[in-house]
């Protein structure tokens, strides 16, 4: 930097260090905002795929170019309802008309239903009927045989996604608070970086 050449050497070294730190922080913030961001798994809803306290990296870039796909694990802000809400303020009803906004909390679940899908369960298994196509049973090895229950048939609205945790009997998900809008889905969980003995892709 020629502008720094006239500064005495000791001070120039400090200025260069400060500038380097500023650039590094700016790049890190930009990466978190647009590329990748770490998240902590808060609950048991994704057991055994993810355990409480696991740390994951979410890819925030891919969803700028395409929509979420069925089976992907995503992070998102859940909906808030008043008065129909849990103790944490998250909706306790799937009625979209009760929503007043979205929580600052970050949830992590698996995408099960896409816009327009009709979802139901039969003998503990999830069945999906995309628009204009026959219903098929989902292959869900990640639930390890745990049965799933959905009340009746649910049609996912246009622009929304139906989320469920892998631990189906211990997951507050779209069965409780309804489908999640596309705009509130933050990223796709790609990699678990903590704990080290469970390091790996998702």
Protein backbone atom coordinates (compact mmCIF):
# COMPACT_ATOMS: atom_id res chain seq x y z
CA UNK A 1 0.00 0.00 0.00
CA UNK A 2 1.82 3.12 -1.21
CA UNK A 3 -0.31 5.37 1.02
CA UNK A 4 1.29 3.71 4.04
CA UNK A 5 4.89 4.13 2.85
CA UNK A 6 5.24 7.55 4.47
CA UNK A 7 4.15 6.23 7.90
CA UNK A 8 6.95 5.21 10.30
CA UNK A 9 7.57 1.46 10.25
CA UNK A 10 6.27 0.56 13.77
CA UNK A 11 3.01 2.47 13.21
CA UNK A 12 2.70 1.13 9.66
CA UNK A 13 2.83 -2.44 10.98
CA UNK A 14 -0.02 -1.71 13.40
CA UNK A 15 -2.11 -0.04 10.68
CA UNK A 16 -1.55 -2.99 8.33
CA UNK A 17 -2.58 -5.41 11.08
CA UNK A 18 -5.75 -3.45 11.80
CA UNK A 19 -6.64 -3.28 8.10
CA UNK A 20 -6.06 -7.02 7.73
CA UNK A 21 -8.35 -7.73 10.70
CA UNK A 22 -11.05 -5.43 9.33
CA UNK A 23 -10.95 -7.15 5.94
CA UNK A 24 -10.99 -10.61 7.57
CA UNK A 25 -14.00 -9.71 9.73
CA UNK A 26 -15.83 -8.23 6.74
CA UNK A 27 -15.22 -11.38 4.71
CA UNK A 28 -16.37 -13.59 7.60
CA UNK A 29 -19.59 -11.57 8.02
CA UNK A 30 -20.24 -11.67 4.28
CA UNK A 31 -19.70 -15.44 4.26
CA UNK A 32 -22.18 -15.91 7.13
CA UNK A 33 -24.75 -13.71 5.43
CA UNK A 34 -24.51 -15.19 1.94
CA UNK A 35 -22.49 -18.43 1.88
CA UNK A 36 -22.31 -20.56 5.04
CA UNK A 37 -23.33 -20.13 8.66
CA UNK A 38 -22.95 -22.30 11.79
CA UNK A 39 -25.99 -23.42 13.79
CA UNK A 40 -26.49 -25.36 17.01
CA UNK A 41 -29.09 -28.14 17.17
CA UNK A 42 -31.41 -27.16 20.06
CA UNK A 43 -33.58 -30.24 20.62
CA UNK A 44 -34.06 -33.99 20.16
CA UNK A 45 -36.38 -33.62 17.16
CA UNK A 46 -33.75 -34.80 14.65
CA UNK A 47 -32.42 -37.79 16.64
CA UNK A 48 -30.62 -39.96 15.59
CA UNK A 49 -29.46 -37.92 12.58
CA UNK A 50 -28.60 -34.93 14.78
CA UNK A 51 -28.29 -34.83 18.56
CA UNK A 52 -28.94 -31.89 20.90
CA UNK A 53 -25.83 -29.70 20.96
CA UNK A 54 -24.53 -30.83 17.58
CA UNK A 55 -23.09 -27.98 15.51
CA UNK A 56 -23.78 -27.87 11.80
CA UNK A 57 -22.82 -25.66 8.88
CA UNK A 58 -25.69 -24.48 6.71
CA UNK A 59 -25.19 -23.67 3.05
CA UNK A 60 -26.96 -20.34 2.47
CA UNK A 61 -25.88 -19.96 -1.14
CA UNK A 62 -27.64 -22.85 -2.90
CA UNK A 63 -31.15 -21.59 -2.09
CA UNK A 64 -30.41 -18.37 -3.94
CA UNK A 65 -30.45 -20.45 -7.13
CA UNK A 66 -33.01 -23.17 -6.48
CA UNK A 67 -35.80 -24.24 -4.11
CA UNK A 68 -35.44 -26.76 -1.27
CA UNK A 69 -35.76 -30.41 -2.24
CA UNK A 70 -37.55 -33.23 -0.49
CA UNK A 71 -35.34 -34.97 2.06
CA UNK A 72 -32.98 -32.03 2.63
CA UNK A 73 -32.33 -30.86 6.18
CA UNK A 74 -32.92 -27.12 6.38
CA UNK A 75 -32.70 -24.31 8.92
CA UNK A 76 -35.49 -21.75 9.13
CA UNK A 77 -37.43 -19.32 11.34
CA UNK A 78 -40.68 -20.92 12.60
CA UNK A 79 -44.00 -19.01 12.53
CA UNK A 80 -45.35 -17.05 15.48
CA UNK A 81 -49.05 -16.93 16.36
CA UNK A 82 -51.13 -15.00 18.86
CA UNK A 83 -52.89 -16.27 20.89
CA UNK A 84 -52.47 -19.79 19.50
CA UNK A 85 -48.83 -20.31 20.45
CA UNK A 86 -46.50 -22.48 22.51
CA UNK A 87 -44.59 -21.12 25.51
CA UNK A 88 -41.84 -20.09 23.09
CA UNK A 89 -44.28 -18.10 20.96
CA UNK A 90 -44.20 -20.54 18.03
CA UNK A 91 -47.59 -21.39 16.53
CA UNK A 92 -49.54 -24.25 18.05
CA UNK A 93 -51.92 -24.38 15.10
CA UNK A 94 -51.37 -25.04 11.37
CA UNK A 95 -53.92 -22.31 10.55
CA UNK A 96 -51.97 -19.81 8.42
CA UNK A 97 -54.51 -17.12 9.28
CA UNK A 98 -53.34 -17.11 12.91
CA UNK A 99 -49.78 -16.09 12.05
CA UNK A 100 -48.41 -12.74 13.14
CA UNK A 101 -44.81 -13.12 11.96
CA UNK A 102 -41.77 -15.32 12.38
CA UNK A 103 -39.61 -16.12 15.38
CA UNK A 104 -35.98 -15.15 15.88
CA UNK A 105 -35.41 -18.79 16.88
CA UNK A 106 -33.81 -21.10 14.34
CA UNK A 107 -35.29 -24.57 13.84
CA UNK A 108 -33.74 -27.45 11.92
CA UNK A 109 -35.97 -30.08 10.28
CA UNK A 110 -36.24 -32.20 7.16
CA UNK A 111 -38.26 -31.16 4.10
CA UNK A 112 -41.01 -33.75 3.60
CA UNK A 113 -43.69 -31.98 1.58
CA UNK A 114 -43.23 -29.66 -1.40
CA UNK A 115 -45.67 -26.97 -2.61
CA UNK A 116 -48.90 -28.57 -3.82
CA UNK A 117 -48.19 -32.01 -2.30
CA UNK A 118 -50.88 -33.90 -0.43
CA UNK A 119 -49.49 -35.76 2.58
CA UNK A 120 -50.99 -38.54 4.70
CA UNK A 121 -49.87 -41.57 6.69
CA UNK A 122 -50.79 -45.20 6.30
CA UNK A 123 -49.58 -47.93 8.68
CA UNK A 124 -47.07 -45.50 10.21
CA UNK A 125 -45.53 -44.49 6.87
CA UNK A 126 -45.67 -41.14 5.06
CA UNK A 127 -47.35 -41.07 1.67
CA UNK A 128 -46.97 -38.16 -0.74
CA UNK A 129 -49.13 -37.27 -3.72
CA UNK A 130 -47.60 -34.50 -5.88
CA UNK A 131 -50.04 -32.51 -8.04
CA UNK A 132 -51.36 -34.64 -10.91
CA UNK A 133 -49.44 -37.74 -9.85
CA UNK A 134 -50.30 -40.91 -7.91
CA UNK A 135 -49.50 -41.18 -4.21
CA UNK A 136 -46.33 -43.04 -3.26
CA UNK A 137 -44.85 -44.10 0.06
CA UNK A 138 -41.74 -42.17 1.01
CA UNK A 139 -38.58 -44.13 1.64
CA UNK A 140 -37.33 -42.72 4.95
CA UNK A 141 -34.33 -44.68 6.26
CA UNK A 142 -33.46 -41.74 8.54
CA UNK A 143 -36.42 -42.47 10.87
CA UNK A 144 -35.04 -45.98 11.57
CA UNK A 145 -38.48 -47.57 11.58
CA UNK A 146 -40.11 -45.06 13.93
CA UNK A 147 -43.78 -44.69 12.92
CA UNK A 148 -45.17 -41.37 11.72
CA UNK A 149 -48.65 -40.02 12.36
CA UNK A 150 -50.30 -37.22 10.37
CA UNK A 151 -53.88 -36.23 11.20
CA UNK A 152 -55.94 -36.74 8.05
CA UNK A 153 -54.71 -35.48 4.69
CA UNK A 154 -52.71 -32.26 4.43
CA UNK A 155 -52.26 -30.23 1.27
CA UNK A 156 -49.15 -28.04 1.26
CA UNK A 157 -50.00 -24.52 0.02
CA UNK A 158 -48.23 -23.00 -2.96
CA UNK A 159 -44.95 -21.40 -1.86
CA UNK A 160 -44.80 -23.45 1.37
CA UNK A 161 -42.91 -26.53 2.57
CA UNK A 162 -43.90 -29.20 5.09
CA UNK A 163 -41.18 -29.95 7.66
CA UNK A 164 -40.78 -32.87 10.03
CA UNK A 165 -38.12 -33.96 12.46
CA UNK A 166 -36.58 -37.42 12.08
CA UNK A 167 -37.60 -38.27 15.67
CA UNK A 168 -41.25 -38.38 14.69
CA UNK A 169 -42.67 -39.09 18.14
CA UNK A 170 -40.75 -36.20 19.73
CA UNK A 171 -40.83 -33.41 17.16
CA UNK A 172 -42.83 -30.19 17.10
CA UNK A 173 -42.93 -29.56 13.38
CA UNK A 174 -45.32 -28.69 10.55
CA UNK A 175 -47.82 -31.15 12.01
CA UNK A 176 -48.13 -28.67 14.91
CA UNK A 177 -47.44 -25.22 13.44
CA UNK A 178 -48.15 -25.75 9.75
CA UNK A 179 -46.17 -25.37 6.57
CA UNK A 180 -43.14 -23.11 6.29
CA UNK A 181 -42.94 -20.34 3.66
CA UNK A 182 -40.08 -20.40 1.21
CA UNK A 183 -38.83 -16.95 2.27
CA UNK A 184 -38.14 -18.06 5.87
CA UNK A 185 -35.94 -21.02 4.90
CA UNK A 186 -32.37 -19.87 5.57
CA UNK A 187 -30.16 -22.65 4.30
CA UNK A 188 -29.43 -26.35 3.86
CA UNK A 189 -27.55 -28.16 6.64
CA UNK A 190 -24.58 -29.79 4.89
CA UNK A 191 -21.95 -30.67 7.47
CA UNK A 192 -21.71 -31.51 11.19
CA UNK A 193 -18.48 -30.08 12.60
CA UNK A 194 -19.08 -30.78 16.31
CA UNK A 195 -18.64 -33.05 18.17
CA UNK A 196 -15.47 -34.21 16.47
CA UNK A 197 -16.32 -37.91 16.83
CA UNK A 198 -19.47 -37.29 14.76
CA UNK A 199 -17.81 -35.09 12.14
CA UNK A 200 -19.26 -35.57 8.67
CA UNK A 201 -21.67 -34.61 5.91
CA UNK A 202 -25.43 -34.76 6.31
